[in-house]
Protein backbone atom coordinates (compact mmCIF):
# COMPACT_ATOMS: atom_id res chain seq x y z
CA MET A 1 1.90 1.09 6.32
CA GLY A 2 3.19 1.19 9.82
CA ASP A 3 6.51 2.99 9.88
CA GLY A 4 6.34 5.37 12.82
CA ARG A 5 2.83 4.23 13.74
CA HIS A 6 1.44 2.06 16.53
CA PHE A 7 0.38 -0.85 14.31
CA LEU A 8 0.54 -2.15 10.76
CA ALA A 9 -2.21 -1.32 8.32
CA ALA A 10 -2.72 -1.60 4.59
CA LEU A 11 -4.25 0.22 1.68
CA ILE A 12 -5.34 -2.60 -0.60
CA GLN A 13 -5.98 -2.48 -4.32
CA ILE A 14 -8.02 -5.43 -5.53
CA ASP A 15 -7.25 -7.09 -8.84
CA LEU A 16 -10.21 -6.22 -11.06
CA VAL A 17 -9.98 -9.38 -13.18
CA THR A 18 -9.53 -11.85 -10.33
CA VAL A 19 -12.03 -10.31 -7.94
CA GLY A 20 -14.40 -9.56 -10.81
CA HIS A 21 -14.37 -13.23 -11.81
CA TRP A 22 -14.97 -14.23 -8.17
CA ALA A 23 -17.88 -11.76 -7.94
CA GLN A 24 -19.47 -13.20 -11.08
CA GLU A 25 -19.17 -16.71 -9.61
CA GLN A 26 -20.91 -15.42 -6.48
CA GLY A 27 -23.68 -13.79 -8.51
CA LEU A 28 -22.64 -10.28 -7.46
CA ALA A 29 -23.39 -7.52 -9.92
CA TYR A 30 -21.04 -4.56 -10.32
CA THR A 31 -20.44 -1.93 -12.97
CA HIS A 32 -16.85 -0.75 -12.46
CA TYR A 33 -13.81 -1.03 -10.19
CA ALA A 34 -15.08 1.39 -7.52
CA HIS A 35 -18.43 -0.39 -7.33
CA LEU A 36 -16.77 -3.79 -7.00
CA ALA A 37 -14.33 -2.49 -4.38
CA SER A 38 -17.22 -1.12 -2.31
CA LEU A 39 -19.18 -4.38 -2.07
CA PRO A 40 -19.37 -5.79 1.49
CA GLU A 41 -18.73 -9.28 0.11
CA VAL A 42 -15.45 -8.09 -1.40
CA HIS A 43 -14.46 -6.59 1.96
CA GLU A 44 -15.15 -9.97 3.57
CA LEU A 45 -13.09 -11.74 0.88
CA VAL A 46 -10.14 -9.41 1.42
CA ASP A 47 -10.49 -9.65 5.21
CA ALA A 48 -10.28 -13.45 4.98
CA ALA A 49 -7.16 -13.19 2.83
CA VAL A 50 -5.55 -10.70 5.25
CA GLN A 51 -6.35 -12.96 8.21
CA ALA A 52 -4.88 -15.97 6.39
CA VAL A 53 -1.64 -14.10 5.74
CA ASN A 54 -1.59 -12.74 9.30
CA GLY A 55 -1.67 -16.32 10.58
CA ARG A 56 1.81 -16.87 9.16
CA PHE A 57 3.41 -14.01 11.10
CA ALA A 58 3.92 -12.87 14.67
CA ARG A 59 1.17 -10.64 16.09
CA VAL A 60 3.33 -7.50 15.89
CA GLU A 61 3.74 -8.19 12.16
CA ASN A 62 -0.02 -8.52 11.52
CA VAL A 63 -2.04 -6.06 9.47
CA ARG A 64 -4.62 -4.91 12.03
CA LYS A 65 -6.69 -2.62 9.80
CA PHE A 66 -7.07 -2.10 6.08
CA VAL A 67 -8.98 -0.04 3.57
CA ILE A 68 -9.77 -1.20 0.06
CA LEU A 69 -8.92 1.60 -2.35
CA ARG A 70 -11.86 2.84 -4.42
CA LYS A 71 -9.61 3.42 -7.42
CA GLN A 72 -6.78 1.57 -9.06
CA LEU A 73 -3.32 3.04 -8.62
CA ASP A 74 -2.26 4.75 -11.82
CA HIS A 75 1.05 5.88 -13.29
CA ASP A 76 -0.66 8.87 -14.91
CA ASP A 77 -1.87 10.01 -11.47
CA GLY A 78 1.67 9.78 -10.04
CA GLU A 79 0.78 6.97 -7.64
CA VAL A 80 3.13 4.38 -9.16
CA THR A 81 6.21 4.45 -11.34
CA ALA A 82 6.28 3.20 -14.92
CA THR A 83 7.38 -0.19 -13.53
CA MET A 84 4.42 -0.16 -11.08
CA LYS A 85 6.42 0.55 -7.93
CA VAL A 86 4.35 2.42 -5.37
CA ARG A 87 5.31 6.04 -4.74
CA ARG A 88 4.84 6.11 -1.00
CA ALA A 89 4.91 9.90 -0.57
CA ALA A 90 2.26 10.36 -3.26
CA ILE A 91 0.12 7.62 -1.71
CA GLU A 92 0.38 9.16 1.77
CA LYS A 93 -0.76 12.50 0.36
CA LYS A 94 -3.42 11.32 -2.09
CA PHE A 95 -5.03 8.79 0.23
CA ARG A 96 -4.82 10.87 3.41
CA ALA A 97 -8.56 10.37 4.11
CA GLU A 98 -8.20 6.59 3.91
CA ILE A 99 -5.13 6.67 6.16
CA GLU A 100 -7.02 8.82 8.66
CA GLU A 101 -9.86 6.29 8.52
CA ILE A 102 -7.35 3.72 9.78
CA TYR A 103 -5.16 5.74 12.17
CA GLY A 104 -7.30 8.78 12.94
CA PRO A 105 -6.42 12.36 12.02
CA ALA A 106 -2.73 13.26 11.93
CA LYS A 107 -1.64 15.46 14.78
CA GLN A 108 -0.58 18.89 13.58
CA GLU A 109 2.68 20.20 14.96
CA GLU A 110 2.29 23.44 16.84
CA THR A 111 4.18 26.38 15.44
CA ALA A 112 5.48 29.11 17.74
């Protein structure tokens, strides 16, 4: 995210299989996707990956803040297409709280 905003940010969906395998290797117990996504160690893992990618780009192109989604994006919920392309408008609406966590509350336009 970042179009029309002061800095780049990201809503990140972890890969359950990959991160789950990593968590098992680390001896971290979890019961489901949301639990795994909420672990501080997973946040640190993702932060390290984001920082590594940021190192390859100019500062203005860096992701400055991110939130790990507590649920996987789902076609049935209208968040992605059948070919797994993200539906940006649906994401902006559905994950408004997460976006506000990053950017702060959206300013409401005054109506006259």
